[in-house]
N, C-alpha and C. Protein backbone atom coordinates (compact mmCIF):
# COMPACT_ATOMS: atom_id res chain seq x y z
N MET A 1 30.48 58.02 61.73
CA MET A 1 31.46 57.96 62.11
C MET A 1 31.52 57.84 63.85
N SER A 2 31.70 57.64 64.70
CA SER A 2 31.67 58.20 65.99
C SER A 2 33.23 57.86 66.82
N SER A 3 33.35 58.34 68.07
CA SER A 3 34.79 59.00 68.64
C SER A 3 35.08 57.53 68.70
N ARG A 4 34.55 56.42 68.71
CA ARG A 4 35.35 55.18 68.51
C ARG A 4 35.74 54.80 67.36
N GLY A 5 35.18 55.22 66.39
CA GLY A 5 35.74 54.68 65.18
C GLY A 5 34.78 54.56 64.38
N MET A 6 35.06 53.95 63.14
CA MET A 6 34.36 53.33 62.09
C MET A 6 33.64 52.07 61.97
N PHE A 7 32.61 51.65 62.40
CA PHE A 7 32.03 50.04 62.37
C PHE A 7 32.03 49.52 60.77
N PHE A 8 31.84 47.89 60.74
CA PHE A 8 31.89 47.52 59.63
C PHE A 8 31.28 46.40 60.32
N GLN A 9 30.03 45.78 59.86
CA GLN A 9 29.47 44.97 60.30
C GLN A 9 30.44 43.77 59.23
N ALA A 10 30.23 42.49 59.56
CA ALA A 10 31.05 41.18 58.88
C ALA A 10 30.04 40.12 58.34
N PRO A 11 28.90 40.18 57.57
CA PRO A 11 28.23 39.56 56.96
C PRO A 11 28.26 38.25 56.78
N TRP A 12 27.80 37.28 56.92
CA TRP A 12 27.51 36.07 56.87
C TRP A 12 27.19 35.42 55.22
N GLY A 13 28.28 35.17 54.34
CA GLY A 13 28.14 34.28 53.16
C GLY A 13 27.23 33.21 52.74
N ARG A 14 26.24 32.91 51.81
CA ARG A 14 25.70 31.46 51.58
C ARG A 14 26.71 30.41 51.79
N MET A 15 28.56 30.40 51.28
CA MET A 15 28.74 29.41 51.76
C MET A 15 29.33 29.00 53.62
N LEU A 16 29.42 30.15 54.36
CA LEU A 16 29.18 30.23 55.65
C LEU A 16 28.39 29.83 56.49
N VAL A 17 26.80 30.24 55.76
CA VAL A 17 26.08 29.90 56.11
C VAL A 17 25.72 28.64 56.33
N VAL A 18 26.17 27.93 54.71
CA VAL A 18 25.82 26.32 54.65
C VAL A 18 26.90 25.83 54.92
N LEU A 19 27.95 25.65 55.22
CA LEU A 19 29.28 25.34 56.15
C LEU A 19 28.61 25.00 57.64
N SER A 20 28.02 26.30 58.09
CA SER A 20 27.63 26.37 59.65
C SER A 20 26.76 25.58 60.11
N ILE A 21 26.05 25.55 59.32
CA ILE A 21 24.69 24.83 59.56
C ILE A 21 25.32 23.53 59.51
N VAL A 22 25.91 23.07 58.54
CA VAL A 22 25.99 21.24 58.33
C VAL A 22 27.21 21.04 59.35
N CYS A 23 27.98 21.56 59.70
CA CYS A 23 29.51 21.10 60.40
C CYS A 23 28.84 20.94 61.88
N THR A 24 27.02 22.02 62.30
CA THR A 24 26.51 22.08 63.78
C THR A 24 26.13 20.77 64.15
N ALA A 25 25.41 20.44 62.50
CA ALA A 25 24.62 19.55 62.58
C ALA A 25 25.11 18.26 62.95
N VAL A 26 26.31 18.25 61.81
CA VAL A 26 26.67 16.64 62.24
C VAL A 26 27.64 16.48 63.30
N THR A 27 28.14 17.75 64.15
CA THR A 27 29.31 17.51 65.61
C THR A 27 28.00 17.28 66.51
N LEU A 28 26.95 17.90 66.28
CA LEU A 28 25.88 17.58 67.53
C LEU A 28 25.06 16.12 67.18
N SER A 29 24.83 16.32 66.06
CA SER A 29 24.21 14.92 65.82
C SER A 29 25.15 13.76 66.49
N LEU A 30 26.23 13.77 66.17
CA LEU A 30 27.17 12.75 65.91
C LEU A 30 27.05 12.84 67.99
N ALA A 31 27.18 13.76 68.42
CA ALA A 31 27.53 13.82 70.28
C ALA A 31 26.13 13.22 70.67
N LEU A 32 25.46 13.54 69.99
CA LEU A 32 24.24 12.74 70.53
C LEU A 32 23.99 11.30 70.57
N LEU A 33 24.68 10.62 69.21
CA LEU A 33 24.32 9.61 68.61
C LEU A 33 25.44 8.71 69.95
N LEU A 34 26.58 9.33 70.49
CA LEU A 34 28.01 9.14 71.20
C LEU A 34 26.96 8.99 72.28
N ALA A 35 26.40 10.02 73.10
CA ALA A 35 26.23 10.32 74.23
C ALA A 35 25.09 8.96 74.92
N THR A 36 24.09 9.22 73.63
CA THR A 36 22.86 8.04 73.94
C THR A 36 23.29 6.51 73.42
N GLY A 37 24.12 6.13 73.14
CA GLY A 37 24.92 4.89 72.32
C GLY A 37 24.13 4.82 70.84
N GLY A 38 23.56 5.13 70.46
CA GLY A 38 23.01 4.92 69.33
C GLY A 38 24.31 4.77 68.32
N LEU A 39 25.12 5.05 68.29
CA LEU A 39 26.70 4.66 67.82
C LEU A 39 27.22 3.36 68.78
N ALA A 40 27.79 4.10 69.56
CA ALA A 40 28.67 2.99 70.73
C ALA A 40 28.32 4.10 71.69
N ARG A 41 28.05 3.91 72.73
CA ARG A 41 28.51 4.45 74.16
C ARG A 41 29.40 5.24 74.09
N GLN A 42 29.66 6.60 74.10
CA GLN A 42 31.47 7.25 74.10
C GLN A 42 30.55 8.82 75.15
N PRO A 43 30.47 8.39 76.09
CA PRO A 43 29.91 10.07 76.45
C PRO A 43 31.19 11.33 76.32
N ILE A 44 32.57 10.55 76.99
CA ILE A 44 33.77 11.78 76.24
C ILE A 44 33.99 11.84 75.07
N LEU A 45 33.75 11.17 74.11
CA LEU A 45 33.90 11.63 72.94
C LEU A 45 32.47 12.77 72.23
N SER A 46 31.81 12.27 72.75
CA SER A 46 30.66 13.18 72.94
C SER A 46 31.10 14.84 73.45
N LEU A 47 31.25 14.32 74.93
CA LEU A 47 31.54 16.18 75.61
C LEU A 47 32.54 16.57 74.45
N ILE A 48 33.46 16.44 74.03
CA ILE A 48 34.34 16.47 73.30
C ILE A 48 33.73 17.35 71.98
N LEU A 49 33.28 16.61 71.23
CA LEU A 49 32.53 17.03 70.18
C LEU A 49 31.57 18.07 70.26
N VAL A 50 30.81 18.59 71.38
CA VAL A 50 30.35 19.15 71.94
C VAL A 50 31.03 20.59 72.42
N ALA A 51 32.22 20.01 73.12
CA ALA A 51 33.42 21.74 73.23
C ALA A 51 34.07 21.81 72.07
N PHE A 52 33.81 21.19 71.10
CA PHE A 52 34.93 21.49 69.56
C PHE A 52 33.71 22.10 69.28
N THR A 53 32.59 22.26 69.41
CA THR A 53 31.73 23.08 68.39
C THR A 53 31.37 24.64 69.72
N LEU A 54 31.16 24.10 70.22
CA LEU A 54 30.86 25.57 71.38
C LEU A 54 32.61 26.55 71.47
N GLY A 55 33.66 25.77 71.13
CA GLY A 55 34.40 25.97 71.39
C GLY A 55 34.95 27.21 70.09
N CYS A 56 34.96 26.99 69.00
CA CYS A 56 34.25 27.77 67.76
C CYS A 56 33.16 28.81 67.54
N ILE A 57 32.57 29.07 68.43
CA ILE A 57 31.87 30.02 68.44
C ILE A 57 32.24 31.35 68.92
N PRO A 58 33.41 31.36 69.98
CA PRO A 58 34.21 32.97 70.14
C PRO A 58 35.30 33.25 68.80
N PHE A 59 35.42 32.50 68.53
CA PHE A 59 36.13 33.18 67.32
C PHE A 59 35.36 33.36 65.88
N ALA A 60 34.24 33.59 66.24
CA ALA A 60 33.35 34.12 64.91
C ALA A 60 33.24 35.40 64.60
N VAL A 61 34.16 35.58 63.54
CA VAL A 61 34.14 37.69 63.47
C VAL A 61 32.28 38.36 63.49
N ARG A 62 32.44 39.05 63.91
CA ARG A 62 31.45 39.66 64.31
C ARG A 62 31.14 41.29 63.06
N GLY A 63 32.48 41.63 63.19
CA GLY A 63 32.74 43.30 62.30
C GLY A 63 33.98 43.43 62.64
N TYR A 64 34.25 44.80 62.52
CA TYR A 64 35.58 45.17 62.38
C TYR A 64 35.74 46.93 62.61
N THR A 65 36.29 47.24 63.50
CA THR A 65 36.02 49.04 63.59
C THR A 65 37.53 49.79 63.21
N ILE A 66 37.39 50.67 62.64
CA ILE A 66 38.60 51.22 61.92
C ILE A 66 38.88 52.42 63.04
N GLU A 67 39.81 52.60 63.71
CA GLU A 67 40.00 53.82 64.97
C GLU A 67 41.60 53.99 64.67
N GLY A 68 41.85 54.99 64.16
CA GLY A 68 42.81 55.85 64.27
C GLY A 68 44.19 55.08 63.35
N THR A 69 44.77 54.33 63.99
CA THR A 69 46.09 53.18 62.86
C THR A 69 45.55 52.06 63.24
N THR A 70 44.49 51.86 63.83
CA THR A 70 44.13 50.49 64.65
C THR A 70 42.97 50.19 63.62
N LEU A 71 43.01 48.55 63.18
CA LEU A 71 41.82 48.09 62.67
C LEU A 71 41.53 46.88 63.93
N PHE A 72 40.49 46.94 64.46
CA PHE A 72 39.62 46.07 65.31
C PHE A 72 39.02 44.76 64.83
N ILE A 73 39.15 43.59 65.23
CA ILE A 73 38.54 42.50 64.48
C ILE A 73 37.84 41.94 65.55
N HIS A 74 36.32 42.25 65.34
CA HIS A 74 35.23 41.99 66.48
C HIS A 74 34.92 40.55 66.36
N ARG A 75 34.87 39.96 67.72
CA ARG A 75 34.63 38.18 67.62
C ARG A 75 33.69 38.58 68.87
N ILE A 76 33.41 37.27 69.36
CA ILE A 76 32.60 37.26 70.58
C ILE A 76 33.47 37.47 71.74
N GLY A 77 33.15 38.38 72.60
CA GLY A 77 33.77 38.72 73.30
C GLY A 77 34.93 39.55 73.78
N TRP A 78 35.78 39.47 72.11
CA TRP A 78 37.15 39.84 72.71
C TRP A 78 36.94 40.50 71.01
N LYS A 79 38.56 41.02 70.87
CA LYS A 79 38.88 41.64 69.73
C LYS A 79 40.08 41.65 69.52
N THR A 80 40.68 41.25 68.13
CA THR A 80 42.17 40.94 67.72
C THR A 80 42.36 42.60 67.18
N ARG A 81 43.90 43.03 67.45
CA ARG A 81 44.07 44.51 66.96
C ARG A 81 45.08 44.39 66.09
N ILE A 82 44.92 44.76 65.17
CA ILE A 82 45.98 45.26 63.84
C ILE A 82 46.18 46.29 63.70
N PRO A 83 47.45 46.41 64.04
CA PRO A 83 47.81 47.73 63.96
C PRO A 83 48.37 48.32 62.06
N LEU A 84 48.00 49.71 61.92
CA LEU A 84 48.35 49.99 60.76
C LEU A 84 49.24 50.80 60.11
N ASP A 85 50.04 50.79 60.98
CA ASP A 85 50.79 51.69 60.84
C ASP A 85 52.00 51.84 59.52
N ASP A 86 52.43 50.37 59.01
CA ASP A 86 52.79 50.30 57.77
C ASP A 86 51.96 49.49 56.74
N LEU A 87 50.87 49.85 56.63
CA LEU A 87 49.78 49.77 55.53
C LEU A 87 50.33 49.84 54.33
N GLN A 88 50.16 49.59 53.39
CA GLN A 88 50.36 49.87 52.22
C GLN A 88 49.12 50.01 51.37
N SER A 89 48.63 49.18 51.07
CA SER A 89 47.06 49.32 50.16
C SER A 89 46.03 48.24 50.92
N ALA A 90 45.04 48.74 50.33
CA ALA A 90 43.65 48.18 50.78
C ALA A 90 42.58 47.99 49.61
N VAL A 91 42.78 46.75 49.06
CA VAL A 91 41.87 46.48 47.79
C VAL A 91 40.25 45.57 48.18
N ALA A 92 39.81 46.51 47.64
CA ALA A 92 38.36 45.31 47.85
C ALA A 92 38.19 44.54 46.63
N ASP A 93 38.51 43.41 46.78
CA ASP A 93 38.77 42.43 45.44
C ASP A 93 38.25 40.90 45.74
N SER A 94 37.35 40.33 45.91
CA SER A 94 37.49 38.88 45.68
C SER A 94 37.81 38.18 44.87
N SER A 95 38.58 38.62 43.86
CA SER A 95 38.85 37.91 43.19
C SER A 95 40.43 37.35 43.29
N LEU A 96 40.82 38.24 44.57
CA LEU A 96 42.11 37.82 44.57
C LEU A 96 42.31 36.46 45.71
N ILE A 97 41.44 36.00 46.25
CA ILE A 97 41.18 35.16 46.96
C ILE A 97 40.60 33.73 46.38
N ALA A 98 39.99 34.18 44.93
CA ALA A 98 39.32 32.58 44.40
C ALA A 98 40.73 31.86 44.29
N ASP A 99 39.86 30.55 44.34
CA ASP A 99 40.66 28.96 44.70
C ASP A 99 41.45 29.16 45.74
N SER A 100 41.54 30.02 46.94
CA SER A 100 41.94 29.94 48.07
C SER A 100 41.90 28.34 48.77
N TYR A 101 42.96 27.74 49.73
CA TYR A 101 42.95 26.67 50.51
C TYR A 101 43.34 27.12 51.60
N ARG A 102 42.80 26.54 52.58
CA ARG A 102 43.40 26.59 54.03
C ARG A 102 44.70 25.71 54.66
N LEU A 103 45.41 26.68 55.26
CA LEU A 103 46.98 26.53 55.63
C LEU A 103 46.86 25.62 56.86
N PHE A 104 45.91 26.55 57.59
CA PHE A 104 45.84 25.93 58.74
C PHE A 104 44.74 26.96 59.48
N GLY A 105 43.60 26.41 60.34
CA GLY A 105 42.65 27.58 60.67
C GLY A 105 40.97 26.71 60.51
N ASN A 106 40.51 27.74 60.75
CA ASN A 106 38.86 27.44 60.23
C ASN A 106 38.53 27.75 58.98
N GLY A 107 38.16 26.86 58.36
CA GLY A 107 37.43 26.81 57.44
C GLY A 107 36.28 26.80 57.03
N GLY A 108 35.18 27.60 57.96
CA GLY A 108 33.62 27.68 57.50
C GLY A 108 33.02 27.27 58.69
N PHE A 109 33.44 27.33 60.17
CA PHE A 109 32.88 26.86 61.26
C PHE A 109 32.23 28.37 62.07
N TYR A 110 31.62 28.69 61.66
CA TYR A 110 30.95 30.26 62.00
C TYR A 110 31.96 31.36 61.77
N SER A 111 33.27 31.01 60.87
CA SER A 111 33.88 32.07 59.99
C SER A 111 35.08 31.39 59.43
N PHE A 112 35.64 32.32 58.98
CA PHE A 112 36.75 31.52 58.03
C PHE A 112 37.97 32.51 58.30
N THR A 113 38.37 31.50 59.35
CA THR A 113 39.64 32.56 59.84
C THR A 113 41.05 31.42 59.84
N GLY A 114 42.28 32.39 60.03
CA GLY A 114 43.62 31.47 60.07
C GLY A 114 44.24 31.89 58.76
N THR A 115 45.56 30.90 58.52
CA THR A 115 46.21 31.36 57.34
C THR A 115 45.75 30.34 55.95
N PHE A 116 45.42 30.51 54.87
CA PHE A 116 45.20 30.61 53.96
C PHE A 116 45.70 31.17 52.81
N SER A 117 45.87 30.55 51.58
CA SER A 117 46.91 30.70 50.48
C SER A 117 46.15 30.76 49.10
N SER A 118 46.60 31.68 48.38
CA SER A 118 45.55 31.31 46.45
C SER A 118 46.24 31.60 45.96
N PRO A 119 46.21 30.94 44.80
CA PRO A 119 47.15 31.37 43.73
C PRO A 119 47.73 32.84 43.61
N LYS A 120 46.30 33.71 43.41
CA LYS A 120 46.69 35.05 42.98
C LYS A 120 47.80 36.22 44.16
N LEU A 121 47.43 35.96 45.48
CA LEU A 121 47.69 36.83 46.53
C LEU A 121 48.95 35.73 47.25
N GLY A 122 49.04 34.41 46.99
CA GLY A 122 49.65 34.07 48.08
C GLY A 122 49.19 33.57 48.78
N ARG A 123 50.08 33.87 50.26
CA ARG A 123 49.92 33.20 51.97
C ARG A 123 48.79 34.40 52.87
N TYR A 124 47.99 34.22 53.18
CA TYR A 124 47.38 35.35 53.56
C TYR A 124 46.79 34.91 54.84
N ARG A 125 46.24 35.80 55.83
CA ARG A 125 45.82 35.50 57.10
C ARG A 125 44.45 36.33 57.31
N ALA A 126 43.61 35.17 57.12
CA ALA A 126 41.95 35.44 56.85
C ALA A 126 41.36 35.53 58.01
N TYR A 127 40.62 36.77 58.55
CA TYR A 127 39.12 37.06 59.16
C TYR A 127 38.05 37.59 58.38
N PHE A 128 37.40 36.67 57.50
CA PHE A 128 36.26 36.91 56.95
C PHE A 128 35.06 36.03 56.94
N THR A 129 33.77 36.35 56.68
CA THR A 129 32.98 35.54 56.78
C THR A 129 32.13 35.37 55.36
N ASP A 130 32.21 36.58 54.08
CA ASP A 130 31.80 36.46 52.97
C ASP A 130 33.15 36.99 51.91
N SER A 131 33.27 35.82 51.22
CA SER A 131 34.42 36.01 50.16
C SER A 131 33.97 36.71 49.07
N ARG A 132 32.91 36.82 48.78
CA ARG A 132 32.71 37.84 48.27
C ARG A 132 32.59 39.49 47.98
N LYS A 133 32.98 39.48 49.31
CA LYS A 133 32.99 41.18 49.86
C LYS A 133 34.64 41.32 50.42
N ALA A 134 35.42 40.64 50.19
CA ALA A 134 36.96 40.10 50.44
C ALA A 134 37.58 42.31 49.96
N VAL A 135 37.95 42.14 51.36
CA VAL A 135 39.03 43.49 50.83
C VAL A 135 40.26 43.07 51.40
N VAL A 136 41.41 43.10 50.72
CA VAL A 136 43.01 42.32 50.94
C VAL A 136 43.64 43.50 51.33
N LEU A 137 44.24 43.26 52.82
CA LEU A 137 45.43 44.52 53.11
C LEU A 137 46.16 44.15 53.18
N THR A 138 47.72 44.83 52.39
CA THR A 138 48.94 45.07 52.17
C THR A 138 49.99 45.23 52.87
N PHE A 139 50.72 44.73 53.55
CA PHE A 139 51.41 45.11 54.52
C PHE A 139 53.14 44.84 53.90
N PRO A 140 54.14 45.05 54.74
CA PRO A 140 55.69 44.99 53.42
C PRO A 140 55.83 43.42 53.59
N LYS A 141 54.96 42.46 54.72
CA LYS A 141 55.64 41.32 55.19
C LYS A 141 54.38 40.04 55.26
N ARG A 142 53.24 40.91 55.15
CA ARG A 142 51.80 39.92 55.45
C ARG A 142 51.03 40.51 54.61
N LYS A 143 49.93 40.29 54.60
CA LYS A 143 48.64 40.09 53.63
C LYS A 143 47.31 39.64 54.76
N ILE A 144 46.50 40.39 54.75
CA ILE A 144 45.37 39.87 55.81
C ILE A 144 44.30 40.27 54.79
N VAL A 145 43.17 39.46 54.93
CA VAL A 145 41.75 39.26 54.34
C VAL A 145 40.96 39.51 54.98
N VAL A 146 40.03 40.93 54.91
CA VAL A 146 38.60 40.76 55.74
C VAL A 146 37.65 40.93 54.59
N SER A 147 36.08 40.78 55.55
CA SER A 147 35.34 41.01 54.15
C SER A 147 34.47 41.63 55.55
N PRO A 148 34.27 43.42 55.27
CA PRO A 148 32.95 43.80 55.79
C PRO A 148 32.21 44.01 54.74
N ASP A 149 30.63 44.71 55.56
CA ASP A 149 29.67 44.61 54.57
C ASP A 149 29.63 45.86 53.60
N ARG A 150 30.34 46.75 53.58
CA ARG A 150 30.43 47.85 52.47
C ARG A 150 32.33 48.27 52.29
N PRO A 151 32.85 47.31 51.32
CA PRO A 151 33.88 46.53 50.93
C PRO A 151 34.77 47.69 50.34
N GLY A 152 33.83 48.47 49.64
CA GLY A 152 34.64 49.73 48.72
C GLY A 152 34.91 50.95 49.68
N GLU A 153 33.92 51.36 50.81
CA GLU A 153 33.86 52.10 51.93
C GLU A 153 35.28 51.91 52.33
N PHE A 154 35.38 50.83 53.06
CA PHE A 154 36.05 50.06 53.97
C PHE A 154 37.55 50.09 53.24
N ALA A 155 37.51 50.23 52.43
CA ALA A 155 38.89 50.47 51.27
C ALA A 155 39.40 51.85 51.39
N ALA A 156 38.28 52.73 51.13
CA ALA A 156 38.35 53.71 50.88
C ALA A 156 38.83 54.69 52.45
N LYS A 157 38.40 54.24 53.62
CA LYS A 157 39.08 54.80 54.85
C LYS A 157 39.86 54.23 55.10
N LEU A 158 40.53 53.45 54.80
CA LEU A 158 41.92 53.10 54.82
C LEU A 158 42.82 53.16 54.17
N GLY A 159 42.38 54.06 53.18
CA GLY A 159 43.24 54.61 51.86
C GLY A 159 43.60 56.09 52.53
N LEU A 160 42.61 56.22 53.43
CA LEU A 160 43.01 57.72 53.86
C LEU A 160 43.53 57.24 55.23
N VAL A 161 43.83 56.13 55.91
CA VAL A 161 44.69 55.98 56.92
C VAL A 161 45.98 56.09 56.00
N ILE A 162 46.61 55.59 55.42
CA ILE A 162 47.53 55.49 54.75
C ILE A 162 47.85 56.86 53.87
N GLN A 163 47.55 57.51 53.50
CA GLN A 163 47.70 58.76 53.25
C GLN A 163 48.43 59.74 54.08
N ASN A 164 47.30 59.29 55.59
CA ASN A 164 47.92 60.35 56.38
C ASN A 164 49.06 59.79 57.45
N ALA A 165 49.70 58.52 56.82
CA ALA A 165 50.55 58.00 57.51
C ALA A 165 51.65 59.39 57.48
């Protein structure tokens, strides 16, 4: 643990790797076909597809830092800050997000981010890259799911944050 907090990587699971490769290949291939006239010459639509693909990259989750009573979710070039003052529990249990579906957000283009729902957990905010490493953070009025490389250690560290609150 450094003076800046404890850092956890956000490893990509197999599903995210496959979805990201397929989505990137499809959008960029379609953009190329539209730019060169392979389908129909549509340079503006081609640029939109390239911009969409590139626009998803900054939202990819790279890791997490627990610093005091704050969780930072690292993206490419920026961080999302989650205050942990009212955190009630942190549970490493991927079964809680089984059969999840996306309500709004990104469902596998470099990360799983946005609002999702699952039968066991209900509605939650997602910031994960590997559902097998899911840690569910429960607050009084919301739930957040992340996927650190060491889920048990991450949940234990957050347990200390709860005890010290």
